[in-house]
């Protein structure tokens, strides 16, 4: 696999080796030994799957305490996947990075603990799969405002009607977030 560092320390773009021919393709999306060899000693406890229509924005979610690391990939459709650094001690606190994940490019995005995470679906019937390092704990879940001007995420929303859940529409500003150490 090929690992690409982002402009913020921690999140990684992972390009798995894809073996394809006229029948289709095969790729390994998780191998504890290969990830450990790449310096990613990760233990997962939960797998999630979401399907969304074009324009659905899910995020920017995080749990504090009980943060989750996530290995995210798209198996149908496409998303613009985003993380925001919520580690107060980090020189990149409050900064974001984003990547397009799609069934076509087969890239994965490693979202370490200490980051808010979210995505905007770019196609109808987009399926997102992600592995988590900690279980979902609704009592600790929070949402950073997806459109907080202090963060300034550049969502590719031209021509897209953004659809939010009530929880995501009520996300808090970065100044009011219960950040990580």
C-alpha atoms as a PDB file:
ATOM      1  CA  UNK A   1       0.000   0.000   0.000  1.00  0.00           C
ATOM      2  CA  UNK A   2       1.010   3.593  -0.534  1.00  0.00           C
ATOM      3  CA  UNK A   3       0.653   6.012   2.392  1.00  0.00           C
ATOM      4  CA  UNK A   4       0.407   9.750   1.724  1.00  0.00           C
ATOM      5  CA  UNK A   5       0.802  12.295   4.525  1.00  0.00           C
ATOM      6  CA  UNK A   6      -1.599  15.232   4.695  1.00  0.00           C
ATOM      7  CA  UNK A   7      -0.902  18.886   5.478  1.00  0.00           C
ATOM      8  CA  UNK A   8      -1.892  18.114   9.096  1.00  0.00           C
ATOM      9  CA  UNK A   9       0.081  15.557  11.110  1.00  0.00           C
ATOM     10  CA  UNK A  10      -1.979  12.443  11.840  1.00  0.00           C
ATOM     11  CA  UNK A  11      -4.521  11.916   9.052  1.00  0.00           C
ATOM     12  CA  UNK A  12      -3.256   9.752   6.191  1.00  0.00           C
ATOM     13  CA  UNK A  13      -4.395   8.888   2.688  1.00  0.00           C
ATOM     14  CA  UNK A  14      -3.963   5.185   2.059  1.00  0.00           C
ATOM     15  CA  UNK A  15      -3.868   3.719  -1.428  1.00  0.00           C
ATOM     16  CA  UNK A  16      -4.200  -0.072  -1.304  1.00  0.00           C
ATOM     17  CA  UNK A  17      -2.665  -2.291  -3.940  1.00  0.00           C
ATOM     18  CA  UNK A  18      -5.404  -3.138  -6.435  1.00  0.00           C
ATOM     19  CA  UNK A  19      -5.125  -6.232  -8.609  1.00  0.00           C
ATOM     20  CA  UNK A  20      -7.466  -6.058 -11.575  1.00  0.00           C
ATOM     21  CA  UNK A  21      -8.197  -7.793 -14.830  1.00  0.00           C
ATOM     22  CA  UNK A  22     -11.152  -8.287 -17.170  1.00  0.00           C
ATOM     23  CA  UNK A  23     -13.063 -10.085 -14.376  1.00  0.00           C
ATOM     24  CA  UNK A  24     -12.878  -7.176 -11.925  1.00  0.00           C
ATOM     25  CA  UNK A  25     -10.465  -6.431  -9.096  1.00  0.00           C
ATOM     26  CA  UNK A  26      -9.192  -7.583  -5.714  1.00  0.00           C
ATOM     27  CA  UNK A  27      -7.723  -5.438  -2.948  1.00  0.00           C
ATOM     28  CA  UNK A  28      -6.886  -5.954   0.691  1.00  0.00           C
ATOM     29  CA  UNK A  29      -8.348  -3.110   2.750  1.00  0.00           C
ATOM     30  CA  UNK A  30      -7.099  -4.110   6.191  1.00  0.00           C
ATOM     31  CA  UNK A  31      -4.200  -6.270   7.308  1.00  0.00           C
ATOM     32  CA  UNK A  32      -2.944  -5.807  10.857  1.00  0.00           C
ATOM     33  CA  UNK A  33       0.624  -6.810   9.920  1.00  0.00           C
ATOM     34  CA  UNK A  34       0.892  -4.517   6.896  1.00  0.00           C
ATOM     35  CA  UNK A  35      -0.534  -1.561   8.805  1.00  0.00           C
ATOM     36  CA  UNK A  36       1.790  -2.211  11.777  1.00  0.00           C
ATOM     37  CA  UNK A  37       4.763  -2.398   9.403  1.00  0.00           C
ATOM     38  CA  UNK A  38       3.711   1.050   8.121  1.00  0.00           C
ATOM     39  CA  UNK A  39       3.692   2.371  11.715  1.00  0.00           C
ATOM     40  CA  UNK A  40      -0.077   2.162  12.186  1.00  0.00           C
ATOM     41  CA  UNK A  41      -0.647  -0.064  15.218  1.00  0.00           C
ATOM     42  CA  UNK A  42      -4.419   0.141  15.177  1.00  0.00           C
ATOM     43  CA  UNK A  43      -7.002  -2.038  16.873  1.00  0.00           C
ATOM     44  CA  UNK A  44     -10.578  -1.843  15.589  1.00  0.00           C
ATOM     45  CA  UNK A  45     -13.728  -2.769  17.506  1.00  0.00           C
ATOM     46  CA  UNK A  46     -16.594  -1.613  15.284  1.00  0.00           C
ATOM     47  CA  UNK A  47     -17.464  -1.413  11.569  1.00  0.00           C
ATOM     48  CA  UNK A  48     -20.018   1.100  10.242  1.00  0.00           C
ATOM     49  CA  UNK A  49     -21.795   1.480   6.903  1.00  0.00           C
ATOM     50  CA  UNK A  50     -23.788   4.491   5.747  1.00  0.00           C
ATOM     51  CA  UNK A  51     -25.679   5.162   2.516  1.00  0.00           C
ATOM     52  CA  UNK A  52     -26.529   8.714   1.527  1.00  0.00           C
ATOM     53  CA  UNK A  53     -27.993  10.640  -1.357  1.00  0.00           C
ATOM     54  CA  UNK A  54     -26.092  13.435  -3.128  1.00  0.00           C
ATOM     55  CA  UNK A  55     -25.743  16.519  -0.954  1.00  0.00           C
ATOM     56  CA  UNK A  56     -25.982  14.819   2.435  1.00  0.00           C
ATOM     57  CA  UNK A  57     -23.408  16.257   4.805  1.00  0.00           C
ATOM     58  CA  UNK A  58     -22.634  14.061   7.796  1.00  0.00           C
ATOM     59  CA  UNK A  59     -20.439  15.715  10.396  1.00  0.00           C
ATOM     60  CA  UNK A  60     -18.348  17.149  11.779  1.00  0.00           C
ATOM     61  CA  UNK A  61     -18.529  14.435  14.458  1.00  0.00           C
ATOM     62  CA  UNK A  62     -16.230  13.538  17.338  1.00  0.00           C
ATOM     63  CA  UNK A  63     -16.420  11.913  20.770  1.00  0.00           C
ATOM     64  CA  UNK A  64     -14.737  13.408  23.828  1.00  0.00           C
ATOM     65  CA  UNK A  65     -14.022  11.471  25.956  1.00  0.00           C
ATOM     66  CA  UNK A  66     -13.809   8.048  24.238  1.00  0.00           C
ATOM     67  CA  UNK A  67     -12.448   9.370  20.905  1.00  0.00           C
ATOM     68  CA  UNK A  68     -12.636   7.205  17.811  1.00  0.00           C
ATOM     69  CA  UNK A  69      -9.989   6.680  15.170  1.00  0.00           C
ATOM     70  CA  UNK A  70     -11.589   5.800  11.813  1.00  0.00           C
ATOM     71  CA  UNK A  71     -10.426   4.099   8.632  1.00  0.00           C
ATOM     72  CA  UNK A  72     -12.847   5.398   5.996  1.00  0.00           C
ATOM     73  CA  UNK A  73     -13.494   4.195   2.432  1.00  0.00           C
ATOM     74  CA  UNK A  74     -16.206   4.468  -0.201  1.00  0.00           C
ATOM     75  CA  UNK A  75     -17.479   1.359  -1.975  1.00  0.00           C
ATOM     76  CA  UNK A  76     -20.130   3.060  -4.118  1.00  0.00           C
ATOM     77  CA  UNK A  77     -20.305   6.681  -5.202  1.00  0.00           C
ATOM     78  CA  UNK A  78     -18.074   9.480  -3.918  1.00  0.00           C
ATOM     79  CA  UNK A  79     -17.614  11.836  -0.968  1.00  0.00           C
ATOM     80  CA  UNK A  80     -15.533  14.826  -0.023  1.00  0.00           C
ATOM     81  CA  UNK A  81     -14.143  13.590   3.305  1.00  0.00           C
ATOM     82  CA  UNK A  82     -12.892  16.148   5.850  1.00  0.00           C
ATOM     83  CA  UNK A  83     -11.145  16.212   9.223  1.00  0.00           C
ATOM     84  CA  UNK A  84     -10.512  19.108  11.606  1.00  0.00           C
ATOM     85  CA  UNK A  85      -7.714  18.993  14.164  1.00  0.00           C
ATOM     86  CA  UNK A  86      -9.245  19.363  17.651  1.00  0.00           C
ATOM     87  CA  UNK A  87      -5.998  18.765  19.590  1.00  0.00           C
ATOM     88  CA  UNK A  88      -5.352  22.029  21.498  1.00  0.00           C
ATOM     89  CA  UNK A  89      -1.648  21.191  21.876  1.00  0.00           C
ATOM     90  CA  UNK A  90      -1.245  20.728  18.119  1.00  0.00           C
ATOM     91  CA  UNK A  91       0.288  23.458  15.961  1.00  0.00           C
ATOM     92  CA  UNK A  92      -2.527  22.750  13.477  1.00  0.00           C
ATOM     93  CA  UNK A  93      -5.398  23.066  15.989  1.00  0.00           C
ATOM     94  CA  UNK A  94      -8.546  24.205  14.155  1.00  0.00           C
ATOM     95  CA  UNK A  95      -7.133  23.456  10.707  1.00  0.00           C
ATOM     96  CA  UNK A  96      -8.788  21.093   8.245  1.00  0.00           C
ATOM     97  CA  UNK A  97      -7.821  18.800   5.421  1.00  0.00           C
ATOM     98  CA  UNK A  98     -10.027  17.017   2.921  1.00  0.00           C
ATOM     99  CA  UNK A  99      -9.877  14.404   0.206  1.00  0.00           C
ATOM    100  CA  UNK A 100     -12.234  12.929  -2.349  1.00  0.00           C
ATOM    101  CA  UNK A 101     -12.866   9.253  -1.662  1.00  0.00           C
ATOM    102  CA  UNK A 102     -14.675   7.236  -4.293  1.00  0.00           C
ATOM    103  CA  UNK A 103     -15.434   3.721  -5.405  1.00  0.00           C
ATOM    104  CA  UNK A 104     -13.362   4.554  -8.462  1.00  0.00           C
ATOM    105  CA  UNK A 105     -10.162   5.780  -6.756  1.00  0.00           C
ATOM    106  CA  UNK A 106     -10.380   3.156  -3.951  1.00  0.00           C
ATOM    107  CA  UNK A 107      -8.473   5.403  -1.550  1.00  0.00           C
ATOM    108  CA  UNK A 108      -8.910   5.154   2.211  1.00  0.00           C
ATOM    109  CA  UNK A 109      -8.583   7.930   4.785  1.00  0.00           C
ATOM    110  CA  UNK A 110      -7.117   7.341   8.237  1.00  0.00           C
ATOM    111  CA  UNK A 111      -8.719   9.703  10.775  1.00  0.00           C
ATOM    112  CA  UNK A 112      -6.844   9.491  14.088  1.00  0.00           C
ATOM    113  CA  UNK A 113      -8.321  10.199  17.488  1.00  0.00           C
ATOM    114  CA  UNK A 114      -8.538  13.900  18.303  1.00  0.00           C
ATOM    115  CA  UNK A 115     -10.146  14.995  15.037  1.00  0.00           C
ATOM    116  CA  UNK A 116     -13.682  15.945  14.026  1.00  0.00           C
ATOM    117  CA  UNK A 117     -14.741  13.989  10.932  1.00  0.00           C
ATOM    118  CA  UNK A 118     -17.400  14.453   8.305  1.00  0.00           C
ATOM    119  CA  UNK A 119     -18.191  14.079   4.636  1.00  0.00           C
ATOM    120  CA  UNK A 120     -20.338  15.496   1.856  1.00  0.00           C
ATOM    121  CA  UNK A 121     -21.776  12.980  -0.610  1.00  0.00           C
ATOM    122  CA  UNK A 122     -21.090  13.876  -4.230  1.00  0.00           C
ATOM    123  CA  UNK A 123     -23.274  11.184  -5.848  1.00  0.00           C
ATOM    124  CA  UNK A 124     -26.597   9.505  -5.094  1.00  0.00           C
ATOM    125  CA  UNK A 125     -26.571   6.159  -3.282  1.00  0.00           C
ATOM    126  CA  UNK A 126     -23.052   6.605  -1.917  1.00  0.00           C
ATOM    127  CA  UNK A 127     -21.945   3.850   0.464  1.00  0.00           C
ATOM    128  CA  UNK A 128     -19.284   4.700   3.061  1.00  0.00           C
ATOM    129  CA  UNK A 129     -17.639   2.017   5.203  1.00  0.00           C
ATOM    130  CA  UNK A 130     -15.484   2.809   8.192  1.00  0.00           C
ATOM    131  CA  UNK A 131     -13.734   0.883  10.899  1.00  0.00           C
ATOM    132  CA  UNK A 132     -13.571   2.457  14.381  1.00  0.00           C
ATOM    133  CA  UNK A 133     -11.046   2.125  17.206  1.00  0.00           C
ATOM    134  CA  UNK A 134     -13.651   2.762  19.935  1.00  0.00           C
ATOM    135  CA  UNK A 135     -17.359   2.001  20.132  1.00  0.00           C
ATOM    136  CA  UNK A 136     -19.978   4.625  19.431  1.00  0.00           C
ATOM    137  CA  UNK A 137     -20.791   6.436  22.692  1.00  0.00           C
ATOM    138  CA  UNK A 138     -23.753   8.771  22.071  1.00  0.00           C
ATOM    139  CA  UNK A 139     -23.381  10.395  25.501  1.00  0.00           C
ATOM    140  CA  UNK A 140     -19.952  11.743  24.413  1.00  0.00           C
ATOM    141  CA  UNK A 141     -20.730  12.578  20.791  1.00  0.00           C
ATOM    142  CA  UNK A 142     -20.568  16.180  19.626  1.00  0.00           C
ATOM    143  CA  UNK A 143     -20.642  18.045  16.311  1.00  0.00           C
ATOM    144  CA  UNK A 144     -18.437  20.881  15.190  1.00  0.00           C
ATOM    145  CA  UNK A 145     -20.327  23.315  12.953  1.00  0.00           C
ATOM    146  CA  UNK A 146     -19.674  22.227   9.372  1.00  0.00           C
ATOM    147  CA  UNK A 147     -19.642  25.852   8.209  1.00  0.00           C
ATOM    148  CA  UNK A 148     -17.760  27.538  11.073  1.00  0.00           C
ATOM    149  CA  UNK A 149     -15.957  30.512   9.474  1.00  0.00           C
ATOM    150  CA  UNK A 150     -13.079  30.130  11.973  1.00  0.00           C
ATOM    151  CA  UNK A 151     -12.323  26.732  10.433  1.00  0.00           C
ATOM    152  CA  UNK A 152     -13.199  27.696   6.851  1.00  0.00           C
ATOM    153  CA  UNK A 153     -13.736  24.282   5.273  1.00  0.00           C
ATOM    154  CA  UNK A 154     -13.988  24.674   1.509  1.00  0.00           C
ATOM    155  CA  UNK A 155     -16.810  22.242   0.794  1.00  0.00           C
ATOM    156  CA  UNK A 156     -17.446  21.565  -2.923  1.00  0.00           C
ATOM    157  CA  UNK A 157     -21.078  22.680  -2.692  1.00  0.00           C
ATOM    158  CA  UNK A 158     -21.482  24.458  -6.047  1.00  0.00           C
ATOM    159  CA  UNK A 159     -24.751  23.200  -7.499  1.00  0.00           C
ATOM    160  CA  UNK A 160     -25.392  20.958  -4.480  1.00  0.00           C
ATOM    161  CA  UNK A 161     -28.238  21.439  -2.009  1.00  0.00           C
ATOM    162  CA  UNK A 162     -26.705  20.517   1.359  1.00  0.00           C
ATOM    163  CA  UNK A 163     -28.881  18.270   3.529  1.00  0.00           C
ATOM    164  CA  UNK A 164     -28.124  18.124   7.275  1.00  0.00           C
ATOM    165  CA  UNK A 165     -29.536  16.235  10.223  1.00  0.00           C
ATOM    166  CA  UNK A 166     -30.881  18.386  13.052  1.00  0.00           C
ATOM    167  CA  UNK A 167     -27.881  17.387  15.176  1.00  0.00           C
ATOM    168  CA  UNK A 168     -25.415  18.470  12.482  1.00  0.00           C
ATOM    169  CA  UNK A 169     -27.286  21.726  11.845  1.00  0.00           C
ATOM    170  CA  UNK A 170     -26.773  22.525  15.553  1.00  0.00           C
ATOM    171  CA  UNK A 171     -23.008  21.918  15.540  1.00  0.00           C
ATOM    172  CA  UNK A 172     -20.952  24.154  17.842  1.00  0.00           C
ATOM    173  CA  UNK A 173     -18.334  26.671  16.788  1.00  0.00           C
ATOM    174  CA  UNK A 174     -14.648  25.814  17.196  1.00  0.00           C
ATOM    175  CA  UNK A 175     -14.409  28.388  20.026  1.00  0.00           C
ATOM    176  CA  UNK A 176     -17.024  26.385  21.987  1.00  0.00           C
ATOM    177  CA  UNK A 177     -15.754  22.859  21.284  1.00  0.00           C
ATOM    178  CA  UNK A 178     -14.626  20.608  24.114  1.00  0.00           C
ATOM    179  CA  UNK A 179     -11.241  20.014  22.503  1.00  0.00           C
ATOM    180  CA  UNK A 180      -8.642  17.346  23.192  1.00  0.00           C
ATOM    181  CA  UNK A 181      -5.412  18.007  25.133  1.00  0.00           C
END
